[in-house]
Amino acid sequence: MITMDTDFILGHLNYWLFIILMMTGFYIVVSRGNFVKKIVGLNIFQTSVFMFYISIGKVEGGTAPIFPLDTNIDPAVAYSNPLPHVLILTAIVVGVATTALGLALIVRIRETYGTIEEEDVLQIERDLQRNEIRVEGSSMGDRADRKSTRLN
């Protein structure tokens, strides 16, 4: 029974690595307040999904799906499915573009707020709203009083 458990674990190693990488990336995104670390966590998460799809597309004993020039196709030959690999190439391009956009937004946040820590940015936003309510409160009527009680 122990050898079967070991064989099961080793036989599904790609799934275990996928789960470990995915949960690591998710943990980094959820637990860290630094925006750059959140982007790194998203990239780890994306990499785990890429690895999962590529491992699904691999056929054991399969060959590349390139047909011979003489078009004599042997039906006994197993071919790997090319679709997951093509989709992953597209996903990698989208992932790089998303990472670039996220990093560009982080640069703008740093220029505006002077920090890339989520808690600091939220605190600065709360302080700006409180200050706006104090300055513009009389022109807002009693809406300013209701909004200030929600911020506290």
C-alpha atoms as a PDB file:
ATOM      1  CA  MET A   1       0.000   0.000   0.000  1.00  0.00           C
ATOM      2  CA  ILE A   2       2.873   2.378   0.759  1.00  0.00           C
ATOM      3  CA  THR A   3       4.422   1.852  -2.685  1.00  0.00           C
ATOM      4  CA  MET A   4       1.084   2.615  -4.320  1.00  0.00           C
ATOM      5  CA  ASP A   5       0.881   5.912  -2.440  1.00  0.00           C
ATOM      6  CA  THR A   6       4.430   6.771  -3.472  1.00  0.00           C
ATOM      7  CA  ASP A   7       3.680   5.808  -7.060  1.00  0.00           C
ATOM      8  CA  PHE A   8       0.535   7.917  -6.985  1.00  0.00           C
ATOM      9  CA  ILE A   9       2.388  10.968  -5.673  1.00  0.00           C
ATOM     10  CA  LEU A  10       5.296  10.612  -8.092  1.00  0.00           C
ATOM     11  CA  GLY A  11       2.960   9.819 -10.985  1.00  0.00           C
ATOM     12  CA  HIS A  12       1.078  13.064 -10.449  1.00  0.00           C
ATOM     13  CA  LEU A  13       4.091  15.228  -9.647  1.00  0.00           C
ATOM     14  CA  ASN A  14       3.133  17.910 -12.166  1.00  0.00           C
ATOM     15  CA  TYR A  15      -0.235  18.358 -10.414  1.00  0.00           C
ATOM     16  CA  TRP A  16       1.419  18.637  -7.002  1.00  0.00           C
ATOM     17  CA  LEU A  17       3.850  21.260  -8.315  1.00  0.00           C
ATOM     18  CA  PHE A  18       0.942  23.100  -9.930  1.00  0.00           C
ATOM     19  CA  ILE A  19      -0.949  23.184  -6.625  1.00  0.00           C
ATOM     20  CA  ILE A  20       2.107  24.293  -4.632  1.00  0.00           C
ATOM     21  CA  LEU A  21       2.972  27.080  -7.093  1.00  0.00           C
ATOM     22  CA  MET A  22      -0.631  28.250  -7.355  1.00  0.00           C
ATOM     23  CA  MET A  23      -1.123  28.420  -3.596  1.00  0.00           C
ATOM     24  CA  THR A  24       2.232  30.149  -3.154  1.00  0.00           C
ATOM     25  CA  GLY A  25       1.301  32.809  -5.700  1.00  0.00           C
ATOM     26  CA  PHE A  26      -2.159  33.241  -4.187  1.00  0.00           C
ATOM     27  CA  TYR A  27      -0.685  33.565  -0.681  1.00  0.00           C
ATOM     28  CA  ILE A  28       1.750  36.250  -1.840  1.00  0.00           C
ATOM     29  CA  VAL A  29      -1.037  38.238  -3.517  1.00  0.00           C
ATOM     30  CA  VAL A  30      -3.303  38.060  -0.470  1.00  0.00           C
ATOM     31  CA  SER A  31      -0.783  38.480   2.342  1.00  0.00           C
ATOM     32  CA  ARG A  32       1.593  41.138   1.055  1.00  0.00           C
ATOM     33  CA  GLY A  33       0.896  44.864   1.088  1.00  0.00           C
ATOM     34  CA  ASN A  34       3.649  45.835  -1.319  1.00  0.00           C
ATOM     35  CA  PHE A  35       2.297  46.234  -4.851  1.00  0.00           C
ATOM     36  CA  VAL A  36       5.459  44.874  -6.514  1.00  0.00           C
ATOM     37  CA  LYS A  37       5.252  41.734  -4.383  1.00  0.00           C
ATOM     38  CA  LYS A  38       1.619  41.362  -5.445  1.00  0.00           C
ATOM     39  CA  ILE A  39       2.704  41.476  -9.105  1.00  0.00           C
ATOM     40  CA  VAL A  40       5.347  38.812  -8.402  1.00  0.00           C
ATOM     41  CA  GLY A  41       2.670  36.672  -6.733  1.00  0.00           C
ATOM     42  CA  LEU A  42       0.412  37.057  -9.774  1.00  0.00           C
ATOM     43  CA  ASN A  43       3.285  35.988 -12.031  1.00  0.00           C
ATOM     44  CA  ILE A  44       3.902  32.871  -9.920  1.00  0.00           C
ATOM     45  CA  PHE A  45       0.179  32.110 -10.080  1.00  0.00           C
ATOM     46  CA  GLN A  46       0.201  32.543 -13.884  1.00  0.00           C
ATOM     47  CA  THR A  47       3.245  30.301 -14.236  1.00  0.00           C
ATOM     48  CA  SER A  48       1.481  27.538 -12.336  1.00  0.00           C
ATOM     49  CA  VAL A  49      -1.481  27.722 -14.717  1.00  0.00           C
ATOM     50  CA  PHE A  50       0.881  27.617 -17.719  1.00  0.00           C
ATOM     51  CA  MET A  51       2.587  24.550 -16.299  1.00  0.00           C
ATOM     52  CA  PHE A  52      -0.775  22.866 -15.708  1.00  0.00           C
ATOM     53  CA  TYR A  53      -2.026  23.404 -19.259  1.00  0.00           C
ATOM     54  CA  ILE A  54       1.248  22.297 -20.830  1.00  0.00           C
ATOM     55  CA  SER A  55       1.289  19.121 -18.735  1.00  0.00           C
ATOM     56  CA  ILE A  56      -2.275  18.335 -19.831  1.00  0.00           C
ATOM     57  CA  GLY A  57      -1.281  18.665 -23.496  1.00  0.00           C
ATOM     58  CA  LYS A  58       1.578  16.198 -23.254  1.00  0.00           C
ATOM     59  CA  VAL A  59       0.779  12.652 -24.392  1.00  0.00           C
ATOM     60  CA  GLU A  60       3.093   9.954 -23.051  1.00  0.00           C
ATOM     61  CA  GLY A  61       4.981   8.465 -25.963  1.00  0.00           C
ATOM     62  CA  GLY A  62       3.506  11.102 -28.258  1.00  0.00           C
ATOM     63  CA  THR A  63       5.410  12.915 -30.950  1.00  0.00           C
ATOM     64  CA  ALA A  64       5.151  16.432 -32.283  1.00  0.00           C
ATOM     65  CA  PRO A  65       2.080  16.865 -34.512  1.00  0.00           C
ATOM     66  CA  ILE A  66       4.063  17.502 -37.686  1.00  0.00           C
ATOM     67  CA  PHE A  67       2.920  15.414 -40.617  1.00  0.00           C
ATOM     68  CA  PRO A  68       5.479  14.003 -43.060  1.00  0.00           C
ATOM     69  CA  LEU A  69       5.878  15.580 -46.488  1.00  0.00           C
ATOM     70  CA  ASP A  70       4.776  12.431 -48.296  1.00  0.00           C
ATOM     71  CA  THR A  71       1.468  12.505 -46.296  1.00  0.00           C
ATOM     72  CA  ASN A  72       1.826   8.856 -45.305  1.00  0.00           C
ATOM     73  CA  ILE A  73       0.400   9.139 -41.818  1.00  0.00           C
ATOM     74  CA  ASP A  74       0.812   6.109 -39.589  1.00  0.00           C
ATOM     75  CA  PRO A  75      -2.363   5.715 -37.489  1.00  0.00           C
ATOM     76  CA  ALA A  76      -0.387   3.861 -34.815  1.00  0.00           C
ATOM     77  CA  VAL A  77       1.652   6.975 -33.999  1.00  0.00           C
ATOM     78  CA  ALA A  78       0.361   9.035 -31.060  1.00  0.00           C
ATOM     79  CA  TYR A  79       0.555  12.795 -31.463  1.00  0.00           C
ATOM     80  CA  SER A  80       0.609  15.387 -28.698  1.00  0.00           C
ATOM     81  CA  ASN A  81      -2.183  17.922 -28.711  1.00  0.00           C
ATOM     82  CA  PRO A  82      -0.793  21.278 -29.951  1.00  0.00           C
ATOM     83  CA  LEU A  83      -3.744  23.397 -28.791  1.00  0.00           C
ATOM     84  CA  PRO A  84      -2.702  23.816 -25.114  1.00  0.00           C
ATOM     85  CA  HIS A  85       0.776  24.886 -26.210  1.00  0.00           C
ATOM     86  CA  VAL A  86      -0.606  27.479 -28.625  1.00  0.00           C
ATOM     87  CA  LEU A  87      -2.966  28.818 -25.978  1.00  0.00           C
ATOM     88  CA  ILE A  88      -0.117  29.092 -23.495  1.00  0.00           C
ATOM     89  CA  LEU A  89       1.971  31.106 -25.957  1.00  0.00           C
ATOM     90  CA  THR A  90      -0.909  33.572 -26.180  1.00  0.00           C
ATOM     91  CA  ALA A  91      -1.332  33.548 -22.401  1.00  0.00           C
ATOM     92  CA  ILE A  92       2.369  34.287 -21.909  1.00  0.00           C
ATOM     93  CA  VAL A  93       2.109  37.353 -24.150  1.00  0.00           C
ATOM     94  CA  VAL A  94      -0.977  38.522 -22.269  1.00  0.00           C
ATOM     95  CA  GLY A  95       0.794  37.851 -18.950  1.00  0.00           C
ATOM     96  CA  VAL A  96       3.812  39.935 -19.958  1.00  0.00           C
ATOM     97  CA  ALA A  97       1.550  42.780 -21.078  1.00  0.00           C
ATOM     98  CA  THR A  98      -0.434  42.591 -17.839  1.00  0.00           C
ATOM     99  CA  THR A  99       2.762  42.633 -15.788  1.00  0.00           C
ATOM    100  CA  ALA A 100       4.049  45.653 -17.709  1.00  0.00           C
ATOM    101  CA  LEU A 101       0.759  47.480 -17.163  1.00  0.00           C
ATOM    102  CA  GLY A 102       0.785  46.619 -13.459  1.00  0.00           C
ATOM    103  CA  LEU A 103       4.339  47.860 -13.036  1.00  0.00           C
ATOM    104  CA  ALA A 104       3.509  51.068 -14.926  1.00  0.00           C
ATOM    105  CA  LEU A 105       0.578  51.641 -12.574  1.00  0.00           C
ATOM    106  CA  ILE A 106       2.847  51.031  -9.593  1.00  0.00           C
ATOM    107  CA  VAL A 107       5.239  53.702 -10.909  1.00  0.00           C
ATOM    108  CA  ARG A 108       2.326  56.161 -11.170  1.00  0.00           C
ATOM    109  CA  ILE A 109       1.136  55.257  -7.656  1.00  0.00           C
ATOM    110  CA  ARG A 110       4.664  55.855  -6.331  1.00  0.00           C
ATOM    111  CA  GLU A 111       4.804  59.232  -8.067  1.00  0.00           C
ATOM    112  CA  THR A 112       1.399  60.248  -6.694  1.00  0.00           C
ATOM    113  CA  TYR A 113       1.518  58.882  -3.145  1.00  0.00           C
ATOM    114  CA  GLY A 114       5.236  58.460  -2.497  1.00  0.00           C
ATOM    115  CA  THR A 115       4.807  54.815  -1.485  1.00  0.00           C
ATOM    116  CA  ILE A 116       3.928  51.433  -2.950  1.00  0.00           C
ATOM    117  CA  GLU A 117       2.535  49.943   0.258  1.00  0.00           C
ATOM    118  CA  GLU A 118      -1.208  49.299   0.063  1.00  0.00           C
ATOM    119  CA  GLU A 119      -1.960  50.324   3.664  1.00  0.00           C
ATOM    120  CA  ASP A 120      -0.086  53.615   3.283  1.00  0.00           C
ATOM    121  CA  VAL A 121      -1.931  54.449   0.062  1.00  0.00           C
ATOM    122  CA  LEU A 122      -5.290  53.659   1.689  1.00  0.00           C
ATOM    123  CA  GLN A 123      -4.422  55.811   4.719  1.00  0.00           C
ATOM    124  CA  ILE A 124      -3.410  58.726   2.486  1.00  0.00           C
ATOM    125  CA  GLU A 125      -6.723  58.365   0.590  1.00  0.00           C
ATOM    126  CA  ARG A 126      -8.699  58.376   3.859  1.00  0.00           C
ATOM    127  CA  ASP A 127      -6.838  61.472   5.051  1.00  0.00           C
ATOM    128  CA  LEU A 128      -7.512  63.243   1.746  1.00  0.00           C
ATOM    129  CA  GLN A 129     -11.237  62.429   1.995  1.00  0.00           C
ATOM    130  CA  ARG A 130     -11.422  63.666   5.579  1.00  0.00           C
ATOM    131  CA  ASN A 131      -9.630  66.865   4.607  1.00  0.00           C
ATOM    132  CA  GLU A 132     -11.981  67.370   1.639  1.00  0.00           C
ATOM    133  CA  ILE A 133     -15.005  66.935   3.907  1.00  0.00           C
ATOM    134  CA  ARG A 134     -13.614  69.510   6.348  1.00  0.00           C
ATOM    135  CA  VAL A 135     -12.879  72.020   3.591  1.00  0.00           C
ATOM    136  CA  GLU A 136     -15.945  71.443   1.404  1.00  0.00           C
ATOM    137  CA  GLY A 137     -18.352  70.277   4.121  1.00  0.00           C
ATOM    138  CA  SER A 138     -20.521  73.391   4.204  1.00  0.00           C
ATOM    139  CA  SER A 139     -21.131  73.291   0.465  1.00  0.00           C
ATOM    140  CA  MET A 140     -22.104  69.611   0.618  1.00  0.00           C
ATOM    141  CA  GLY A 141     -24.896  70.101   3.167  1.00  0.00           C
ATOM    142  CA  ASP A 142     -25.587  67.229   5.543  1.00  0.00           C
ATOM    143  CA  ARG A 143     -24.089  64.735   3.084  1.00  0.00           C
ATOM    144  CA  ALA A 144     -20.679  65.654   4.467  1.00  0.00           C
ATOM    145  CA  ASP A 145     -21.739  64.650   7.994  1.00  0.00           C
ATOM    146  CA  ARG A 146     -22.966  61.234   6.840  1.00  0.00           C
ATOM    147  CA  LYS A 147     -19.791  60.642   4.805  1.00  0.00           C
ATOM    148  CA  SER A 148     -17.480  61.651   7.666  1.00  0.00           C
ATOM    149  CA  THR A 149     -19.155  59.208  10.048  1.00  0.00           C
ATOM    150  CA  ARG A 150     -18.558  56.378   7.564  1.00  0.00           C
ATOM    151  CA  LEU A 151     -14.855  57.240   7.265  1.00  0.00           C
ATOM    152  CA  ASN A 152     -14.245  57.007  11.024  1.00  0.00           C
END
